[in-house]
Amino acid sequence: MSHDPYIELRNVSFGYGERQILSNINLRVPRGQLVAIMGGSGSGKTTLLRLISGQVRPDSGEVWVDGKNVATMNTRELYAHRRKMGMLFQFGALFTDLSVADNVAFPLREHTALPEDMIRDLVTLKLSAVGLRGTQTLMPAELSGGMARRVALARAIALDPELMLYDEPFTGLDPISLGVIAHLIKRLNQALGTSAVMVTHDVQKSLEIVDYVYFVAHGEIAAEGSPETVRHSDSPWLKQFVHGDPDGPVHFAYPADTSLADDLSAGAR
């Protein structure tokens, strides 16, 4: 396996207006590896996926994917960039009015000129890869949460992408379905040789399948390392996040410039 970076963020900062989301982020995803980005809600994890896919551009710094700077791509280049990318959205995001087969076939019809009989065969192969051959005629409303997530995964790998992005792939799943999806993500990543970035809150299951972990807090990389390093780290921040402790470096309350008493007093005037 090559350790050359397929993705590299160099001193990336980004904000929405005056609200700073990310500050001076540096991270690397080697080719063929599955890397997790973890952190609390609102820490900027999904924003990192949006930067990698080119949905937003950094205020400063560079976003390199497969030797190209995404931040400087024009519309045509962005289209080509996304053609090589698969995305598994939180909760799957299936098209509710399309059958399972048509959901999986959608990227094939959108991005290729393949004949329908070949598309049908590819759909069958992709559904078989996630254990759902035979579900082609079902509608999303007829699927369980775990089945819907697997159909979404089949759609995400329809074009054999070089890059996979996973946005909270385990959210809302029961333990068995979660284990199945985690196993499929790992197995498919190895089979396809895909470089992958997974944003997730599920610490324990993610540490079983990923090659490397970045933890984001307050818009910065707070810690990083292999799963083994993370499990045995003495960092108070990592210990709090991995064990879900309510007390630690990450505070429950949103930072405010005034006290509650000040706000109540101002409201009374």
Protein backbone atom coordinates (compact mmCIF):
# COMPACT_ATOMS: atom_id res chain seq x y z
CA MET A 1 0.00 0.00 0.00
CA SER A 2 1.33 3.42 -0.97
CA HIS A 3 1.71 6.04 1.76
CA ASP A 4 1.71 8.93 -0.72
CA PRO A 5 -1.16 11.27 0.19
CA TYR A 6 -4.27 10.97 -1.94
CA ILE A 7 -5.73 13.85 0.08
CA GLU A 8 -3.74 16.58 1.75
CA LEU A 9 -5.02 19.70 3.49
CA ARG A 10 -2.36 22.34 4.02
CA ASN A 11 -2.96 25.12 6.55
CA VAL A 12 -6.68 25.25 5.72
CA SER A 13 -8.92 27.80 7.42
CA PHE A 14 -12.62 28.31 6.74
CA GLY A 15 -15.52 30.21 8.21
CA TYR A 16 -19.10 31.21 7.49
CA GLY A 17 -18.98 34.99 7.59
CA GLU A 18 -17.44 36.04 10.89
CA ARG A 19 -17.91 32.59 12.45
CA GLN A 20 -14.64 30.69 12.20
CA ILE A 21 -15.14 26.94 11.68
CA LEU A 22 -11.66 25.61 10.87
CA SER A 23 -8.26 27.10 11.68
CA ASN A 24 -4.96 26.06 10.14
CA ILE A 25 -5.94 22.42 9.49
CA ASN A 26 -3.26 20.02 8.24
CA LEU A 27 -4.16 16.40 7.49
CA ARG A 28 -3.18 13.62 5.08
CA VAL A 29 -5.02 10.59 3.75
CA PRO A 30 -2.61 8.06 2.17
CA ARG A 31 -3.75 6.24 -0.96
CA GLY A 32 -5.85 3.20 -0.20
CA GLN A 33 -6.38 4.01 3.48
CA LEU A 34 -9.56 4.59 5.47
CA VAL A 35 -9.18 7.63 7.74
CA ALA A 36 -11.70 8.73 10.35
CA ILE A 37 -12.41 12.31 11.39
CA MET A 38 -13.98 12.50 14.83
CA GLY A 39 -15.05 15.31 17.10
CA GLY A 40 -18.01 16.87 18.81
CA SER A 41 -21.04 18.28 17.04
CA GLY A 42 -20.24 21.58 15.34
CA SER A 43 -16.48 20.99 15.38
CA GLY A 44 -16.17 21.24 11.59
CA LYS A 45 -16.05 17.58 10.57
CA THR A 46 -18.64 17.74 7.79
CA THR A 47 -17.15 21.03 6.61
CA LEU A 48 -13.94 19.10 5.94
CA LEU A 49 -15.89 16.76 3.65
CA ARG A 50 -17.39 19.76 1.86
CA LEU A 51 -13.90 21.19 1.31
CA ILE A 52 -12.61 17.88 -0.08
CA SER A 53 -15.57 17.56 -2.46
CA GLY A 54 -15.28 21.18 -3.57
CA GLN A 55 -18.68 22.31 -2.28
CA VAL A 56 -16.95 25.14 -0.45
CA ARG A 57 -13.53 26.73 -0.88
CA PRO A 58 -11.12 27.50 1.97
CA ASP A 59 -10.59 31.08 3.09
CA SER A 60 -6.88 30.25 3.14
CA GLY A 61 -4.73 27.19 2.58
CA GLU A 62 -4.84 24.42 -0.01
CA VAL A 63 -6.94 21.27 -0.50
CA TRP A 64 -5.10 18.70 -2.64
CA VAL A 65 -6.83 15.56 -3.94
CA ASP A 66 -4.99 13.18 -6.27
CA GLY A 67 -2.40 15.83 -7.09
CA LYS A 68 -4.91 18.59 -7.88
CA ASN A 69 -5.82 21.66 -5.82
CA VAL A 70 -9.60 21.48 -5.36
CA ALA A 71 -9.72 25.10 -4.19
CA THR A 72 -8.70 26.36 -7.65
CA MET A 73 -10.84 24.03 -9.80
CA ASN A 74 -13.28 25.46 -12.31
CA THR A 75 -16.75 23.98 -12.90
CA ARG A 76 -15.57 21.43 -15.50
CA GLU A 77 -12.71 20.29 -13.28
CA LEU A 78 -15.00 19.97 -10.26
CA TYR A 79 -17.39 17.80 -12.28
CA ALA A 80 -14.51 15.49 -13.25
CA HIS A 81 -13.30 15.45 -9.63
CA ARG A 82 -16.71 14.39 -8.31
CA ARG A 83 -17.03 11.75 -11.03
CA LYS A 84 -14.24 9.85 -9.23
CA MET A 85 -15.89 10.22 -5.84
CA GLY A 86 -18.56 8.24 -3.98
CA MET A 87 -20.56 9.64 -1.07
CA LEU A 88 -22.53 7.85 1.62
CA PHE A 89 -24.78 10.45 3.21
CA GLN A 90 -26.09 10.43 6.76
CA PHE A 91 -29.30 8.34 6.77
CA GLY A 92 -28.56 7.22 3.17
CA ALA A 93 -30.51 9.95 1.31
CA LEU A 94 -32.19 7.56 -1.13
CA PHE A 95 -34.55 8.98 -3.75
CA THR A 96 -37.91 8.06 -2.23
CA ASP A 97 -39.77 7.89 -5.54
CA LEU A 98 -37.25 5.56 -7.19
CA SER A 99 -36.94 1.80 -6.70
CA VAL A 100 -33.82 0.23 -5.21
CA ALA A 101 -32.57 -0.64 -8.69
CA ASP A 102 -33.15 2.88 -10.01
CA ASN A 103 -31.42 4.41 -6.97
CA VAL A 104 -28.28 2.34 -7.58
CA ALA A 105 -28.47 2.92 -11.34
CA PHE A 106 -28.78 6.70 -10.96
CA PRO A 107 -25.03 7.55 -11.03
CA LEU A 108 -24.47 5.07 -13.86
CA ARG A 109 -27.13 6.75 -15.98
CA GLU A 110 -25.96 10.22 -14.98
CA HIS A 111 -22.26 9.76 -15.68
CA THR A 112 -21.99 7.03 -18.33
CA ALA A 113 -23.48 6.07 -21.69
CA LEU A 114 -23.72 2.38 -20.83
CA PRO A 115 -26.63 0.40 -22.33
CA GLU A 116 -29.48 -0.47 -20.00
CA ASP A 117 -28.75 -4.20 -19.97
CA MET A 118 -25.21 -3.52 -18.75
CA ILE A 119 -26.49 -1.05 -16.14
CA ARG A 120 -28.93 -3.69 -14.93
CA ASP A 121 -26.11 -6.22 -14.55
CA LEU A 122 -23.93 -3.70 -12.69
CA VAL A 123 -26.80 -2.85 -10.34
CA THR A 124 -27.19 -6.55 -9.56
CA LEU A 125 -23.45 -6.86 -8.86
CA LYS A 126 -23.39 -3.83 -6.55
CA LEU A 127 -26.45 -4.99 -4.62
CA SER A 128 -24.92 -8.45 -4.32
CA ALA A 129 -21.77 -6.85 -2.86
CA VAL A 130 -23.85 -5.43 0.02
CA GLY A 131 -25.96 -8.57 0.45
CA LEU A 132 -29.14 -7.21 -1.11
CA ARG A 133 -29.48 -8.99 -4.46
CA GLY A 134 -33.18 -9.54 -5.02
CA THR A 135 -34.32 -6.19 -3.64
CA GLN A 136 -34.28 -4.38 -7.00
CA THR A 137 -38.05 -3.79 -7.22
CA LEU A 138 -38.51 -2.63 -3.62
CA MET A 139 -39.13 1.01 -2.80
CA PRO A 140 -37.17 2.85 -0.05
CA ALA A 141 -40.25 2.92 2.19
CA GLU A 142 -40.21 -0.90 2.19
CA LEU A 143 -36.65 -1.09 3.52
CA SER A 144 -35.40 -1.23 7.09
CA GLY A 145 -32.91 1.42 8.19
CA GLY A 146 -29.98 -0.95 7.80
CA MET A 147 -31.13 -2.13 4.36
CA ALA A 148 -31.59 1.46 3.17
CA ARG A 149 -28.06 2.31 4.30
CA ARG A 150 -26.70 -0.68 2.38
CA VAL A 151 -28.59 0.34 -0.76
CA ALA A 152 -27.08 3.81 -0.39
CA LEU A 153 -23.64 2.20 -0.08
CA ALA A 154 -24.27 0.19 -3.27
CA ARG A 155 -25.18 3.44 -5.03
CA ALA A 156 -22.05 5.15 -3.68
CA ILE A 157 -19.77 2.44 -5.15
CA ALA A 158 -21.67 2.13 -8.44
CA LEU A 159 -18.88 3.85 -10.39
CA ASP A 160 -16.00 2.13 -8.52
CA PRO A 161 -14.83 5.46 -7.05
CA GLU A 162 -11.21 6.25 -6.24
CA LEU A 163 -12.37 8.32 -3.26
CA MET A 164 -15.15 7.55 -0.78
CA LEU A 165 -16.61 10.05 1.68
CA TYR A 166 -18.75 8.80 4.56
CA ASP A 167 -20.80 11.31 6.56
CA GLU A 168 -21.90 9.67 9.83
CA PRO A 169 -22.60 6.27 8.20
CA PHE A 170 -23.62 4.63 11.51
CA THR A 171 -26.21 7.16 12.69
CA GLY A 172 -29.57 5.68 13.65
CA LEU A 173 -28.61 2.03 13.16
CA ASP A 174 -29.20 -0.81 15.60
CA PRO A 175 -26.04 -2.63 16.79
CA ILE A 176 -26.36 -5.48 14.27
CA SER A 177 -26.96 -3.18 11.28
CA LEU A 178 -24.13 -0.94 12.48
CA GLY A 179 -21.77 -3.91 12.58
CA VAL A 180 -22.83 -5.00 9.08
CA ILE A 181 -22.28 -1.52 7.61
CA ALA A 182 -18.89 -1.20 9.32
CA HIS A 183 -17.82 -4.59 7.95
CA LEU A 184 -18.99 -3.66 4.45
CA ILE A 185 -17.17 -0.31 4.52
CA LYS A 186 -13.91 -1.99 5.50
CA ARG A 187 -14.29 -4.88 3.06
CA LEU A 188 -15.30 -2.73 0.10
CA ASN A 189 -12.53 -0.22 0.79
CA GLN A 190 -9.97 -3.02 0.67
CA ALA A 191 -11.51 -4.67 -2.41
CA LEU A 192 -11.69 -1.44 -4.42
CA GLY A 193 -8.40 0.03 -3.16
CA THR A 194 -10.30 3.20 -2.41
CA SER A 195 -8.99 6.15 -0.41
CA ALA A 196 -11.67 7.05 2.11
CA VAL A 197 -12.58 9.66 4.72
CA MET A 198 -15.23 8.86 7.32
CA VAL A 199 -16.79 11.45 9.60
CA THR A 200 -18.22 9.65 12.61
CA HIS A 201 -19.23 9.89 16.26
CA ASP A 202 -19.05 6.13 16.81
CA VAL A 203 -15.64 5.79 18.42
CA GLN A 204 -15.44 2.11 19.31
CA LYS A 205 -16.71 0.64 16.03
CA SER A 206 -14.70 3.11 13.96
CA LEU A 207 -11.47 2.24 15.76
CA GLU A 208 -12.01 -1.38 14.69
CA ILE A 209 -11.97 -0.61 10.95
CA VAL A 210 -9.99 2.58 10.22
CA ASP A 211 -6.26 2.97 9.57
CA TYR A 212 -5.83 6.40 11.16
CA VAL A 213 -7.83 8.93 13.17
CA TYR A 214 -7.96 12.72 13.35
CA PHE A 215 -9.81 14.38 16.23
CA VAL A 216 -11.15 17.88 15.62
CA ALA A 217 -12.00 20.31 18.42
CA HIS A 218 -12.58 24.05 18.32
CA GLY A 219 -11.79 24.03 14.59
CA GLU A 220 -8.31 22.55 15.03
CA ILE A 221 -6.71 19.10 14.95
CA ALA A 222 -6.65 18.32 18.66
CA ALA A 223 -5.09 14.87 18.32
CA GLU A 224 -4.26 12.21 15.74
CA GLY A 225 -2.87 8.71 15.53
CA SER A 226 -3.48 5.05 14.80
CA PRO A 227 -6.43 3.32 16.50
CA GLU A 228 -4.01 1.67 18.93
CA THR A 229 -2.44 5.04 19.78
CA VAL A 230 -5.87 6.56 20.40
CA ARG A 231 -6.97 3.71 22.69
CA HIS A 232 -3.93 4.12 24.94
CA SER A 233 -3.49 7.89 24.80
CA ASP A 234 -3.04 9.88 28.01
CA SER A 235 -4.58 12.97 26.41
CA PRO A 236 -7.45 14.30 28.59
CA TRP A 237 -9.27 15.36 25.43
CA LEU A 238 -9.04 11.90 23.86
CA LYS A 239 -10.01 10.16 27.09
CA GLN A 240 -13.11 12.34 27.39
CA PHE A 241 -14.19 11.74 23.82
CA VAL A 242 -13.42 8.01 23.64
CA HIS A 243 -15.18 7.28 26.95
CA GLY A 244 -17.97 9.85 26.57
CA ASP A 245 -17.23 11.60 29.85
CA PRO A 246 -19.38 14.70 30.52
CA ASP A 247 -16.51 16.54 32.22
CA GLY A 248 -13.22 17.37 30.57
CA PRO A 249 -11.58 19.78 28.11
CA VAL A 250 -14.73 19.89 25.96
CA HIS A 251 -17.36 21.90 27.82
CA PHE A 252 -21.11 21.41 27.73
CA ALA A 253 -21.98 25.11 27.63
CA TYR A 254 -21.54 27.28 24.53
CA PRO A 255 -18.94 30.01 25.25
CA ALA A 256 -20.58 33.39 25.97
CA ASP A 257 -19.13 36.83 26.57
CA THR A 258 -21.59 37.63 29.38
CA SER A 259 -22.95 35.78 32.40
CA LEU A 260 -26.53 34.51 32.74
CA ALA A 261 -27.14 37.17 35.41
CA ASP A 262 -25.98 39.90 33.01
CA ASP A 263 -28.34 38.64 30.28
CA LEU A 264 -31.31 38.41 32.64
CA SER A 265 -30.57 41.88 34.00
CA ALA A 266 -30.35 43.33 30.47
CA GLY A 267 -33.64 41.66 29.53
CA ALA A 268 -35.38 43.23 32.53
CA ARG A 269 -34.39 46.74 31.53
